[in-house]
PDB file of N, CA and C in Angstrom:
ATOM      1  N   MET A   1      10.003 -11.488  10.028  1.00  0.00           N
ATOM      2  CA  MET A   1       8.930 -12.385   9.623  1.00  0.00           C
ATOM      3  C   MET A   1       9.223 -12.853   8.194  1.00  0.00           C
ATOM      4  N   PRO A   2       9.284 -14.173   7.948  1.00  0.00           N
ATOM      5  CA  PRO A   2       9.544 -14.657   6.596  1.00  0.00           C
ATOM      6  C   PRO A   2       8.409 -14.272   5.655  1.00  0.00           C
ATOM      7  N   ASP A   3       8.740 -14.106   4.350  1.00  0.00           N
ATOM      8  CA  ASP A   3       7.736 -13.695   3.364  1.00  0.00           C
ATOM      9  C   ASP A   3       6.510 -14.595   3.349  1.00  0.00           C
ATOM     10  N   GLU A   4       6.688 -15.924   3.533  1.00  0.00           N
ATOM     11  CA  GLU A   4       5.537 -16.811   3.442  1.00  0.00           C
ATOM     12  C   GLU A   4       4.538 -16.583   4.570  1.00  0.00           C
ATOM     13  N   ALA A   5       4.931 -15.933   5.638  1.00  0.00           N
ATOM     14  CA  ALA A   5       4.019 -15.651   6.739  1.00  0.00           C
ATOM     15  C   ALA A   5       3.351 -14.283   6.592  1.00  0.00           C
ATOM     16  N   LYS A   6       3.756 -13.540   5.592  1.00  0.00           N
ATOM     17  CA  LYS A   6       3.219 -12.198   5.391  1.00  0.00           C
ATOM     18  C   LYS A   6       1.979 -12.230   4.511  1.00  0.00           C
ATOM     19  N   ILE A   7       1.153 -11.215   4.694  1.00  0.00           N
ATOM     20  CA  ILE A   7      -0.023 -11.042   3.843  1.00  0.00           C
ATOM     21  C   ILE A   7       0.426 -10.528   2.475  1.00  0.00           C
ATOM     22  N   VAL A   8       1.411  -9.631   2.472  1.00  0.00           N
ATOM     23  CA  VAL A   8       1.876  -8.965   1.261  1.00  0.00           C
ATOM     24  C   VAL A   8       3.368  -9.236   1.091  1.00  0.00           C
ATOM     25  N   THR A   9       3.775  -9.573  -0.137  1.00  0.00           N
ATOM     26  CA  THR A   9       5.193  -9.759  -0.442  1.00  0.00           C
ATOM     27  C   THR A   9       5.629  -8.725  -1.470  1.00  0.00           C
ATOM     28  N   LYS A  10       6.925  -8.608  -1.678  1.00  0.00           N
ATOM     29  CA  LYS A  10       7.455  -7.643  -2.643  1.00  0.00           C
ATOM     30  C   LYS A  10       7.040  -7.962  -4.077  1.00  0.00           C
ATOM     31  N   GLU A  11       6.656  -9.199  -4.330  1.00  0.00           N
ATOM     32  CA  GLU A  11       6.257  -9.608  -5.676  1.00  0.00           C
ATOM     33  C   GLU A  11       4.785  -9.314  -5.968  1.00  0.00           C
ATOM     34  N   ASP A  12       4.017  -8.980  -4.950  1.00  0.00           N
ATOM     35  CA  ASP A  12       2.579  -8.753  -5.119  1.00  0.00           C
ATOM     36  C   ASP A  12       2.291  -7.416  -5.789  1.00  0.00           C
ATOM     37  N   CYS A  13       1.297  -7.429  -6.664  1.00  0.00           N
ATOM     38  CA  CYS A  13       0.723  -6.207  -7.220  1.00  0.00           C
ATOM     39  C   CYS A  13      -0.584  -5.979  -6.477  1.00  0.00           C
ATOM     40  N   LEU A  14      -0.737  -4.806  -5.918  1.00  0.00           N
ATOM     41  CA  LEU A  14      -1.928  -4.504  -5.131  1.00  0.00           C
ATOM     42  C   LEU A  14      -2.840  -3.545  -5.889  1.00  0.00           C
ATOM     43  N   ILE A  15      -4.126  -3.645  -5.579  1.00  0.00           N
ATOM     44  CA  ILE A  15      -5.116  -2.713  -6.114  1.00  0.00           C
ATOM     45  C   ILE A  15      -6.028  -2.285  -4.970  1.00  0.00           C
ATOM     46  N   PRO A  16      -6.584  -1.093  -5.063  1.00  0.00           N
ATOM     47  CA  PRO A  16      -7.565  -0.677  -4.062  1.00  0.00           C
ATOM     48  C   PRO A  16      -8.777  -1.608  -4.107  1.00  0.00           C
ATOM     49  N   ASN A  17      -9.306  -1.941  -2.959  1.00  0.00           N
ATOM     50  CA  ASN A  17     -10.528  -2.741  -2.899  1.00  0.00           C
ATOM     51  C   ASN A  17     -11.674  -1.846  -3.365  1.00  0.00           C
ATOM     52  N   PRO A  18     -12.376  -2.219  -4.441  1.00  0.00           N
ATOM     53  CA  PRO A  18     -13.417  -1.348  -4.989  1.00  0.00           C
ATOM     54  C   PRO A  18     -14.629  -1.168  -4.069  1.00  0.00           C
ATOM     55  N   GLU A  19     -14.739  -1.993  -3.048  1.00  0.00           N
ATOM     56  CA  GLU A  19     -15.864  -1.867  -2.120  1.00  0.00           C
ATOM     57  C   GLU A  19     -15.609  -0.846  -1.020  1.00  0.00           C
ATOM     58  N   MET A  20     -14.394  -0.302  -0.983  1.00  0.00           N
ATOM     59  CA  MET A  20     -14.034   0.667   0.044  1.00  0.00           C
ATOM     60  C   MET A  20     -14.272   2.089  -0.458  1.00  0.00           C
ATOM     61  N   VAL A  21     -14.465   2.985   0.475  1.00  0.00           N
ATOM     62  CA  VAL A  21     -14.650   4.403   0.149  1.00  0.00           C
ATOM     63  C   VAL A  21     -13.316   5.108   0.390  1.00  0.00           C
ATOM     64  N   PHE A  22     -12.821   5.806  -0.629  1.00  0.00           N
ATOM     65  CA  PHE A  22     -11.586   6.589  -0.548  1.00  0.00           C
ATOM     66  C   PHE A  22     -11.963   8.041  -0.730  1.00  0.00           C
ATOM     67  N   ARG A  23     -11.692   8.854   0.293  1.00  0.00           N
ATOM     68  CA  ARG A  23     -12.037  10.279   0.215  1.00  0.00           C
ATOM     69  C   ARG A  23     -10.802  11.118   0.496  1.00  0.00           C
ATOM     70  N   LYS A  24     -10.364  11.819  -0.539  1.00  0.00           N
ATOM     71  CA  LYS A  24      -9.197  12.679  -0.418  1.00  0.00           C
ATOM     72  C   LYS A  24      -9.569  13.968   0.288  1.00  0.00           C
ATOM     73  N   GLU A  25      -8.688  14.403   1.161  1.00  0.00           N
ATOM     74  CA  GLU A  25      -8.831  15.667   1.878  1.00  0.00           C
ATOM     75  C   GLU A  25      -7.644  16.553   1.510  1.00  0.00           C
ATOM     76  N   GLU A  26      -7.563  17.723   2.106  1.00  0.00           N
ATOM     77  CA  GLU A  26      -6.482  18.654   1.793  1.00  0.00           C
ATOM     78  C   GLU A  26      -5.098  18.070   2.021  1.00  0.00           C
ATOM     79  N   GLU A  27      -4.872  17.436   3.154  1.00  0.00           N
ATOM     80  CA  GLU A  27      -3.533  16.967   3.503  1.00  0.00           C
ATOM     81  C   GLU A  27      -3.455  15.460   3.686  1.00  0.00           C
ATOM     82  N   GLY A  28      -4.407  14.728   3.155  1.00  0.00           N
ATOM     83  CA  GLY A  28      -4.410  13.288   3.301  1.00  0.00           C
ATOM     84  C   GLY A  28      -5.680  12.706   2.714  1.00  0.00           C
ATOM     85  N   ALA A  29      -6.111  11.595   3.292  1.00  0.00           N
ATOM     86  CA  ALA A  29      -7.332  10.949   2.805  1.00  0.00           C
ATOM     87  C   ALA A  29      -7.856  10.000   3.871  1.00  0.00           C
ATOM     88  N   PHE A  30      -9.108   9.619   3.716  1.00  0.00           N
ATOM     89  CA  PHE A  30      -9.724   8.621   4.575  1.00  0.00           C
ATOM     90  C   PHE A  30     -10.110   7.407   3.743  1.00  0.00           C
ATOM     91  N   LEU A  31      -9.868   6.243   4.301  1.00  0.00           N
ATOM     92  CA  LEU A  31     -10.369   4.987   3.749  1.00  0.00           C
ATOM     93  C   LEU A  31     -11.438   4.485   4.701  1.00  0.00           C
ATOM     94  N   PHE A  32     -12.568   4.082   4.158  1.00  0.00           N
ATOM     95  CA  PHE A  32     -13.684   3.624   4.981  1.00  0.00           C
ATOM     96  C   PHE A  32     -14.234   2.324   4.417  1.00  0.00           C
ATOM     97  N   ASP A  33     -14.447   1.361   5.296  1.00  0.00           N
ATOM     98  CA  ASP A  33     -15.060   0.089   4.916  1.00  0.00           C
ATOM     99  C   ASP A  33     -16.507   0.106   5.393  1.00  0.00           C
ATOM    100  N   PRO A  34     -17.463   0.238   4.490  1.00  0.00           N
ATOM    101  CA  PRO A  34     -18.867   0.322   4.905  1.00  0.00           C
ATOM    102  C   PRO A  34     -19.408  -0.976   5.498  1.00  0.00           C
ATOM    103  N   HIS A  35     -18.708  -2.088   5.258  1.00  0.00           N
ATOM    104  CA  HIS A  35     -19.161  -3.377   5.788  1.00  0.00           C
ATOM    105  C   HIS A  35     -18.779  -3.568   7.253  1.00  0.00           C
ATOM    106  N   THR A  36     -17.595  -3.065   7.634  1.00  0.00           N
ATOM    107  CA  THR A  36     -17.114  -3.267   9.011  1.00  0.00           C
ATOM    108  C   THR A  36     -17.110  -1.987   9.835  1.00  0.00           C
ATOM    109  N   GLY A  37     -17.174  -0.851   9.160  1.00  0.00           N
ATOM    110  CA  GLY A  37     -17.067   0.422   9.863  1.00  0.00           C
ATOM    111  C   GLY A  37     -15.624   0.852  10.095  1.00  0.00           C
ATOM    112  N   ASN A  38     -14.637   0.059   9.619  1.00  0.00           N
ATOM    113  CA  ASN A  38     -13.232   0.431   9.777  1.00  0.00           C
ATOM    114  C   ASN A  38     -12.941   1.722   9.033  1.00  0.00           C
ATOM    115  N   LEU A  39     -12.190   2.586   9.693  1.00  0.00           N
ATOM    116  CA  LEU A  39     -11.808   3.870   9.132  1.00  0.00           C
ATOM    117  C   LEU A  39     -10.314   4.053   9.334  1.00  0.00           C
ATOM    118  N   LYS A  40      -9.623   4.495   8.286  1.00  0.00           N
ATOM    119  CA  LYS A  40      -8.177   4.727   8.392  1.00  0.00           C
ATOM    120  C   LYS A  40      -7.863   6.053   7.737  1.00  0.00           C
ATOM    121  N   TYR A  41      -7.057   6.856   8.434  1.00  0.00           N
ATOM    122  CA  TYR A  41      -6.572   8.112   7.879  1.00  0.00           C
ATOM    123  C   TYR A  41      -5.207   7.877   7.247  1.00  0.00           C
ATOM    124  N   LEU A  42      -5.001   8.409   6.055  1.00  0.00           N
ATOM    125  CA  LEU A  42      -3.705   8.361   5.387  1.00  0.00           C
ATOM    126  C   LEU A  42      -3.153   9.769   5.273  1.00  0.00           C
ATOM    127  N   ASN A  43      -1.891   9.947   5.666  1.00  0.00           N
ATOM    128  CA  ASN A  43      -1.254  11.236   5.448  1.00  0.00           C
ATOM    129  C   ASN A  43      -0.885  11.340   3.966  1.00  0.00           C
ATOM    130  N   ALA A  44      -0.266  12.428   3.555  1.00  0.00           N
ATOM    131  CA  ALA A  44       0.048  12.648   2.135  1.00  0.00           C
ATOM    132  C   ALA A  44       0.924  11.528   1.571  1.00  0.00           C
ATOM    133  N   ASN A  45       1.900  11.058   2.348  1.00  0.00           N
ATOM    134  CA  ASN A  45       2.748   9.963   1.876  1.00  0.00           C
ATOM    135  C   ASN A  45       1.934   8.678   1.711  1.00  0.00           C
ATOM    136  N   GLY A  46       1.036   8.419   2.636  1.00  0.00           N
ATOM    137  CA  GLY A  46       0.178   7.246   2.545  1.00  0.00           C
ATOM    138  C   GLY A  46      -0.723   7.296   1.324  1.00  0.00           C
ATOM    139  N   VAL A  47      -1.229   8.489   1.009  1.00  0.00           N
ATOM    140  CA  VAL A  47      -2.074   8.661  -0.181  1.00  0.00           C
ATOM    141  C   VAL A  47      -1.262   8.319  -1.435  1.00  0.00           C
ATOM    142  N   THR A  48      -0.035   8.809  -1.499  1.00  0.00           N
ATOM    143  CA  THR A  48       0.822   8.522  -2.652  1.00  0.00           C
ATOM    144  C   THR A  48       1.033   7.017  -2.799  1.00  0.00           C
ATOM    145  N   LEU A  49       1.343   6.343  -1.702  1.00  0.00           N
ATOM    146  CA  LEU A  49       1.540   4.890  -1.760  1.00  0.00           C
ATOM    147  C   LEU A  49       0.267   4.177  -2.193  1.00  0.00           C
ATOM    148  N   TYR A  50      -0.847   4.565  -1.622  1.00  0.00           N
ATOM    149  CA  TYR A  50      -2.137   3.955  -1.957  1.00  0.00           C
ATOM    150  C   TYR A  50      -2.437   4.131  -3.448  1.00  0.00           C
ATOM    151  N   GLU A  51      -2.186   5.319  -3.967  1.00  0.00           N
ATOM    152  CA  GLU A  51      -2.472   5.593  -5.371  1.00  0.00           C
ATOM    153  C   GLU A  51      -1.515   4.874  -6.324  1.00  0.00           C
ATOM    154  N   LEU A  52      -0.368   4.443  -5.831  1.00  0.00           N
ATOM    155  CA  LEU A  52       0.557   3.655  -6.648  1.00  0.00           C
ATOM    156  C   LEU A  52       0.113   2.196  -6.776  1.00  0.00           C
ATOM    157  N   CYS A  53      -0.871   1.804  -6.014  1.00  0.00           N
ATOM    158  CA  CYS A  53      -1.420   0.440  -6.088  1.00  0.00           C
ATOM    159  C   CYS A  53      -2.365   0.370  -7.282  1.00  0.00           C
ATOM    160  N   ASP A  54      -1.779   0.132  -8.442  1.00  0.00           N
ATOM    161  CA  ASP A  54      -2.549   0.169  -9.686  1.00  0.00           C
ATOM    162  C   ASP A  54      -2.689  -1.207 -10.342  1.00  0.00           C
ATOM    163  N   GLY A  55      -2.194  -2.241  -9.672  1.00  0.00           N
ATOM    164  CA  GLY A  55      -2.271  -3.577 -10.243  1.00  0.00           C
ATOM    165  C   GLY A  55      -1.170  -3.889 -11.238  1.00  0.00           C
ATOM    166  N   ARG A  56      -0.351  -2.901 -11.561  1.00  0.00           N
ATOM    167  CA  ARG A  56       0.764  -3.106 -12.494  1.00  0.00           C
ATOM    168  C   ARG A  56       2.096  -3.112 -11.762  1.00  0.00           C
ATOM    169  N   ARG A  57       2.221  -2.239 -10.777  1.00  0.00           N
ATOM    170  CA  ARG A  57       3.469  -2.156 -10.018  1.00  0.00           C
ATOM    171  C   ARG A  57       3.452  -3.180  -8.880  1.00  0.00           C
ATOM    172  N   THR A  58       4.578  -3.831  -8.679  1.00  0.00           N
ATOM    173  CA  THR A  58       4.698  -4.708  -7.517  1.00  0.00           C
ATOM    174  C   THR A  58       5.042  -3.847  -6.303  1.00  0.00           C
ATOM    175  N   VAL A  59       4.908  -4.417  -5.137  1.00  0.00           N
ATOM    176  CA  VAL A  59       5.341  -3.720  -3.922  1.00  0.00           C
ATOM    177  C   VAL A  59       6.833  -3.414  -4.040  1.00  0.00           C
ATOM    178  N   GLY A  60       7.595  -4.331  -4.599  1.00  0.00           N
ATOM    179  CA  GLY A  60       9.026  -4.094  -4.816  1.00  0.00           C
ATOM    180  C   GLY A  60       9.283  -2.916  -5.734  1.00  0.00           C
ATOM    181  N   ASP A  61       8.470  -2.773  -6.782  1.00  0.00           N
ATOM    182  CA  ASP A  61       8.597  -1.620  -7.686  1.00  0.00           C
ATOM    183  C   ASP A  61       8.347  -0.312  -6.937  1.00  0.00           C
ATOM    184  N   ILE A  62       7.346  -0.324  -6.091  1.00  0.00           N
ATOM    185  CA  ILE A  62       7.010   0.878  -5.313  1.00  0.00           C
ATOM    186  C   ILE A  62       8.143   1.213  -4.353  1.00  0.00           C
ATOM    187  N   ILE A  63       8.727   0.198  -3.741  1.00  0.00           N
ATOM    188  CA  ILE A  63       9.877   0.422  -2.846  1.00  0.00           C
ATOM    189  C   ILE A  63      11.033   1.054  -3.629  1.00  0.00           C
ATOM    190  N   LYS A  64      11.285   0.576  -4.845  1.00  0.00           N
ATOM    191  CA  LYS A  64      12.359   1.147  -5.682  1.00  0.00           C
ATOM    192  C   LYS A  64      12.090   2.621  -5.982  1.00  0.00           C
ATOM    193  N   LEU A  65      10.833   2.952  -6.298  1.00  0.00           N
ATOM    194  CA  LEU A  65      10.481   4.356  -6.543  1.00  0.00           C
ATOM    195  C   LEU A  65      10.761   5.212  -5.316  1.00  0.00           C
ATOM    196  N   LEU A  66      10.388   4.709  -4.153  1.00  0.00           N
ATOM    197  CA  LEU A  66      10.612   5.462  -2.911  1.00  0.00           C
ATOM    198  C   LEU A  66      12.096   5.624  -2.623  1.00  0.00           C
ATOM    199  N   ARG A  67      12.880   4.597  -2.898  1.00  0.00           N
ATOM    200  CA  ARG A  67      14.331   4.686  -2.675  1.00  0.00           C
ATOM    201  C   ARG A  67      14.940   5.766  -3.562  1.00  0.00           C
ATOM    202  N   GLU A  68      14.424   5.921  -4.791  1.00  0.00           N
ATOM    203  CA  GLU A  68      14.916   6.973  -5.673  1.00  0.00           C
ATOM    204  C   GLU A  68      14.509   8.356  -5.170  1.00  0.00           C
ATOM    205  N   PHE A  69      13.312   8.452  -4.634  1.00  0.00           N
ATOM    206  CA  PHE A  69      12.787   9.734  -4.163  1.00  0.00           C
ATOM    207  C   PHE A  69      13.383  10.148  -2.821  1.00  0.00           C
ATOM    208  N   TYR A  70      13.714   9.154  -1.979  1.00  0.00           N
ATOM    209  CA  TYR A  70      14.281   9.409  -0.647  1.00  0.00           C
ATOM    210  C   TYR A  70      15.616   8.689  -0.498  1.00  0.00           C
ATOM    211  N   PRO A  71      16.650   9.096  -1.253  1.00  0.00           N
ATOM    212  CA  PRO A  71      17.936   8.382  -1.192  1.00  0.00           C
ATOM    213  C   PRO A  71      18.633   8.481   0.168  1.00  0.00           C
ATOM    214  N   GLU A  72      18.250   9.467   0.967  1.00  0.00           N
ATOM    215  CA  GLU A  72      18.896   9.639   2.279  1.00  0.00           C
ATOM    216  C   GLU A  72      18.392   8.645   3.326  1.00  0.00           C
ATOM    217  N   ILE A  73      17.323   7.929   3.029  1.00  0.00           N
ATOM    218  CA  ILE A  73      16.768   6.955   3.975  1.00  0.00           C
ATOM    219  C   ILE A  73      17.319   5.579   3.640  1.00  0.00           C
ATOM    220  N   ALA A  74      17.742   4.855   4.647  1.00  0.00           N
ATOM    221  CA  ALA A  74      18.323   3.527   4.459  1.00  0.00           C
ATOM    222  C   ALA A  74      17.360   2.602   3.715  1.00  0.00           C
ATOM    223  N   VAL A  75      17.903   1.813   2.806  1.00  0.00           N
ATOM    224  CA  VAL A  75      17.124   0.902   1.975  1.00  0.00           C
ATOM    225  C   VAL A  75      16.256  -0.018   2.827  1.00  0.00           C
ATOM    226  N   ASP A  76      16.839  -0.579   3.878  1.00  0.00           N
ATOM    227  CA  ASP A  76      16.095  -1.507   4.745  1.00  0.00           C
ATOM    228  C   ASP A  76      14.912  -0.816   5.416  1.00  0.00           C
ATOM    229  N   LYS A  77      15.099   0.434   5.795  1.00  0.00           N
ATOM    230  CA  LYS A  77      14.009   1.166   6.452  1.00  0.00           C
ATOM    231  C   LYS A  77      12.875   1.449   5.466  1.00  0.00           C
ATOM    232  N   VAL A  78      13.211   1.858   4.245  1.00  0.00           N
ATOM    233  CA  VAL A  78      12.189   2.112   3.230  1.00  0.00           C
ATOM    234  C   VAL A  78      11.395   0.826   2.979  1.00  0.00           C
ATOM    235  N   ALA A  79      12.094  -0.291   2.805  1.00  0.00           N
ATOM    236  CA  ALA A  79      11.431  -1.569   2.539  1.00  0.00           C
ATOM    237  C   ALA A  79      10.556  -1.995   3.717  1.00  0.00           C
ATOM    238  N   ALA A  80      11.079  -1.874   4.929  1.00  0.00           N
ATOM    239  CA  ALA A  80      10.322  -2.291   6.114  1.00  0.00           C
ATOM    240  C   ALA A  80       9.089  -1.414   6.329  1.00  0.00           C
ATOM    241  N   ASP A  81       9.255  -0.097   6.216  1.00  0.00           N
ATOM    242  CA  ASP A  81       8.132   0.818   6.436  1.00  0.00           C
ATOM    243  C   ASP A  81       7.049   0.648   5.368  1.00  0.00           C
ATOM    244  N   THR A  82       7.478   0.467   4.125  1.00  0.00           N
ATOM    245  CA  THR A  82       6.517   0.279   3.036  1.00  0.00           C
ATOM    246  C   THR A  82       5.772  -1.039   3.204  1.00  0.00           C
ATOM    247  N   GLY A  83       6.508  -2.089   3.534  1.00  0.00           N
ATOM    248  CA  GLY A  83       5.879  -3.382   3.773  1.00  0.00           C
ATOM    249  C   GLY A  83       4.883  -3.324   4.912  1.00  0.00           C
ATOM    250  N   PHE A  84       5.262  -2.656   5.987  1.00  0.00           N
ATOM    251  CA  PHE A  84       4.379  -2.512   7.152  1.00  0.00           C
ATOM    252  C   PHE A  84       3.102  -1.759   6.772  1.00  0.00           C
ATOM    253  N   PHE A  85       3.249  -0.699   5.991  1.00  0.00           N
ATOM    254  CA  PHE A  85       2.102   0.087   5.557  1.00  0.00           C
ATOM    255  C   PHE A  85       1.129  -0.768   4.743  1.00  0.00           C
ATOM    256  N   PHE A  86       1.663  -1.477   3.740  1.00  0.00           N
ATOM    257  CA  PHE A  86       0.790  -2.302   2.898  1.00  0.00           C
ATOM    258  C   PHE A  86       0.204  -3.492   3.657  1.00  0.00           C
ATOM    259  N   GLU A  87       0.967  -4.050   4.582  1.00  0.00           N
ATOM    260  CA  GLU A  87       0.433  -5.133   5.415  1.00  0.00           C
ATOM    261  C   GLU A  87      -0.793  -4.643   6.187  1.00  0.00           C
ATOM    262  N   GLY A  88      -0.701  -3.432   6.729  1.00  0.00           N
ATOM    263  CA  GLY A  88      -1.821  -2.862   7.476  1.00  0.00           C
ATOM    264  C   GLY A  88      -3.043  -2.632   6.607  1.00  0.00           C
ATOM    265  N   LEU A  89      -2.822  -2.099   5.401  1.00  0.00           N
ATOM    266  CA  LEU A  89      -3.946  -1.879   4.489  1.00  0.00           C
ATOM    267  C   LEU A  89      -4.581  -3.200   4.066  1.00  0.00           C
ATOM    268  N   ALA A  90      -3.751  -4.199   3.798  1.00  0.00           N
ATOM    269  CA  ALA A  90      -4.270  -5.505   3.375  1.00  0.00           C
ATOM    270  C   ALA A  90      -5.020  -6.183   4.517  1.00  0.00           C
ATOM    271  N   ALA A  91      -4.499  -6.062   5.731  1.00  0.00           N
ATOM    272  CA  ALA A  91      -5.161  -6.684   6.890  1.00  0.00           C
ATOM    273  C   ALA A  91      -6.553  -6.103   7.120  1.00  0.00           C
ATOM    274  N   MET A  92      -6.714  -4.820   6.782  1.00  0.00           N
ATOM    275  CA  MET A  92      -8.016  -4.167   6.936  1.00  0.00           C
ATOM    276  C   MET A  92      -8.856  -4.259   5.667  1.00  0.00           C
ATOM    277  N   ASN A  93      -8.332  -4.968   4.657  1.00  0.00           N
ATOM    278  CA  ASN A  93      -9.036  -5.215   3.407  1.00  0.00           C
ATOM    279  C   ASN A  93      -9.196  -3.958   2.541  1.00  0.00           C
ATOM    280  N   PHE A  94      -8.338  -2.956   2.739  1.00  0.00           N
ATOM    281  CA  PHE A  94      -8.398  -1.747   1.930  1.00  0.00           C
ATOM    282  C   PHE A  94      -7.698  -1.930   0.580  1.00  0.00           C
ATOM    283  N   VAL A  95      -6.750  -2.863   0.513  1.00  0.00           N
ATOM    284  CA  VAL A  95      -6.123  -3.240  -0.764  1.00  0.00           C
ATOM    285  C   VAL A  95      -6.185  -4.758  -0.877  1.00  0.00           C
ATOM    286  N   THR A  96      -6.181  -5.213  -2.115  1.00  0.00           N
ATOM    287  CA  THR A  96      -6.157  -6.653  -2.388  1.00  0.00           C
ATOM    288  C   THR A  96      -5.112  -6.928  -3.447  1.00  0.00           C
ATOM    289  N   LYS A  97      -4.743  -8.178  -3.580  1.00  0.00           N
ATOM    290  CA  LYS A  97      -3.773  -8.572  -4.598  1.00  0.00           C
ATOM    291  C   LYS A  97      -4.467  -8.597  -5.956  1.00  0.00           C
ATOM    292  N   SER A  98      -3.765  -8.070  -6.955  1.00  0.00           N
ATOM    293  CA  SER A  98      -4.294  -8.071  -8.308  1.00  0.00           C
ATOM    294  C   SER A  98      -4.143  -9.456  -8.913  1.00  0.00           C
ATOM    295  N   GLU A  99      -5.178  -9.889  -9.595  1.00  0.00           N
ATOM    296  CA  GLU A  99      -5.124 -11.172 -10.299  1.00  0.00           C
ATOM    297  C   GLU A  99      -4.445 -11.022 -11.649  1.00  0.00           C
ATOM    298  N   ASN A 100      -4.348  -9.792 -12.127  1.00  0.00           N
ATOM    299  CA  ASN A 100      -3.789  -9.523 -13.456  1.00  0.00           C
ATOM    300  C   ASN A 100      -2.432  -8.881 -13.339  1.00  0.00           C
ATOM    301  N   HIS A 101      -1.465  -9.602 -12.773  1.00  0.00           N
ATOM    302  CA  HIS A 101      -0.106  -9.088 -12.628  1.00  0.00           C
ATOM    303  C   HIS A 101       0.481  -8.873 -14.004  1.00  0.00           C
ATOM    304  N   ALA A 102       0.859  -7.627 -14.270  1.00  0.00           N
ATOM    305  CA  ALA A 102       1.434  -7.301 -15.580  1.00  0.00           C
ATOM    306  C   ALA A 102       2.692  -6.497 -15.403  1.00  0.00           C
ATOM    307  N   SER A 103       3.748  -7.152 -14.963  1.00  0.00           N
ATOM    308  CA  SER A 103       4.996  -6.398 -14.756  1.00  0.00           C
ATOM    309  C   SER A 103       5.870  -6.421 -15.978  1.00  0.00           C
TER     310      SER A 103
END
Protein backbone atom coordinates (compact mmCIF):
# COMPACT_ATOMS: atom_id res chain seq x y z
CA MET A 1 0.00 0.00 0.00
CA PRO A 2 1.57 3.36 -0.99
CA ASP A 3 2.19 5.84 1.85
CA GLU A 4 -0.41 8.30 0.53
CA ALA A 5 -3.13 5.68 1.03
CA LYS A 6 -2.10 4.99 4.61
CA ILE A 7 -3.49 6.59 7.73
CA VAL A 8 -0.01 6.70 9.30
CA THR A 9 3.34 7.30 7.59
CA LYS A 10 6.91 6.98 8.87
CA GLU A 11 7.13 10.78 9.05
CA ASP A 12 4.15 11.12 11.41
CA CYS A 13 4.53 11.86 15.10
CA LEU A 14 1.72 10.22 17.04
CA ILE A 15 0.23 11.01 20.42
CA PRO A 16 -2.30 9.14 22.53
CA ASN A 17 -5.83 10.45 22.03
CA PRO A 18 -6.58 12.20 25.35
CA GLU A 19 -10.24 11.17 25.17
CA MET A 20 -9.33 7.49 25.42
CA VAL A 21 -8.89 5.49 28.61
CA PHE A 22 -5.51 3.73 28.98
CA ARG A 23 -5.32 1.20 31.81
CA LYS A 24 -2.09 -0.65 32.45
CA GLU A 25 -2.29 -4.20 33.76
CA GLU A 26 0.39 -6.63 34.90
CA GLU A 27 1.32 -7.94 31.46
CA GLY A 28 -0.23 -5.40 29.12
CA ALA A 29 -2.87 -2.71 28.98
CA PHE A 30 -6.36 -1.90 27.76
CA LEU A 31 -7.36 1.01 25.56
CA PHE A 32 -11.02 1.98 25.76
CA ASP A 33 -13.00 4.51 23.75
CA PRO A 34 -15.93 5.67 25.89
CA HIS A 35 -17.63 7.22 22.85
CA THR A 36 -17.78 4.05 20.72
CA GLY A 37 -17.25 1.30 23.26
CA ASN A 38 -14.17 0.06 21.32
CA LEU A 39 -11.79 -1.90 23.50
CA LYS A 40 -8.29 -3.06 22.56
CA TYR A 41 -5.84 -5.15 24.55
CA LEU A 42 -2.13 -4.39 24.17
CA ASN A 43 0.52 -6.90 25.12
CA ALA A 44 3.77 -5.67 26.75
CA ASN A 45 5.33 -4.85 23.36
CA GLY A 46 2.22 -2.94 22.33
CA VAL A 47 2.33 -0.94 25.57
CA THR A 48 5.95 0.01 24.86
CA LEU A 49 5.06 1.17 21.34
CA TYR A 50 2.03 3.09 22.58
CA GLU A 51 4.09 4.83 25.26
CA LEU A 52 6.68 5.87 22.65
CA CYS A 53 3.96 7.95 20.97
CA ASP A 54 5.00 11.18 22.63
CA GLY A 55 4.54 13.64 19.78
CA ARG A 56 8.31 14.03 19.39
CA ARG A 57 9.31 10.72 17.85
CA THR A 58 8.22 9.89 14.33
CA VAL A 59 6.99 6.42 13.47
CA GLY A 60 10.29 6.06 11.60
CA ASP A 61 12.20 6.94 14.78
CA ILE A 62 10.29 4.27 16.69
CA ILE A 63 11.06 1.72 13.97
CA LYS A 64 14.78 2.59 14.28
CA LEU A 65 14.63 2.04 18.05
CA LEU A 66 13.00 -1.35 17.54
CA ARG A 67 15.60 -2.34 14.93
CA GLU A 68 18.33 -1.60 17.49
CA PHE A 69 16.54 -3.59 20.19
CA TYR A 70 15.68 -6.54 17.90
CA PRO A 71 18.59 -6.78 15.42
CA GLU A 72 17.75 -10.42 14.65
CA ILE A 73 14.42 -9.44 13.05
CA ALA A 74 14.47 -8.38 9.41
CA VAL A 75 14.22 -4.61 8.88
CA ASP A 76 11.23 -4.97 6.53
CA LYS A 77 9.34 -7.07 9.07
CA VAL A 78 9.95 -4.58 11.91
CA ALA A 79 8.76 -1.70 9.68
CA ALA A 80 5.71 -3.60 8.40
CA ASP A 81 4.62 -4.87 11.83
CA THR A 82 5.10 -1.47 13.47
CA GLY A 83 3.22 0.28 10.68
CA PHE A 84 0.39 -2.24 10.91
CA PHE A 85 0.17 -1.76 14.68
CA PHE A 86 -0.02 2.04 14.46
CA GLU A 87 -2.45 1.89 11.53
CA GLY A 88 -4.77 -0.19 13.72
CA LEU A 89 -4.52 2.20 16.65
CA ALA A 90 -5.12 5.21 14.40
CA ALA A 91 -8.08 3.55 12.67
CA MET A 92 -9.70 3.05 16.08
CA ASN A 93 -8.81 6.63 17.06
CA PHE A 94 -6.57 5.55 19.97
CA VAL A 95 -3.68 7.65 18.60
CA THR A 96 -3.70 10.82 16.55
CA LYS A 97 -1.10 12.77 14.63
CA SER A 98 0.69 15.44 16.62
CA GLU A 99 0.32 18.97 15.35
CA ASN A 100 3.56 19.95 17.09
CA HIS A 101 6.12 17.84 15.23
CA ALA A 102 9.45 18.51 16.89
CA SER A 103 12.03 16.17 15.47
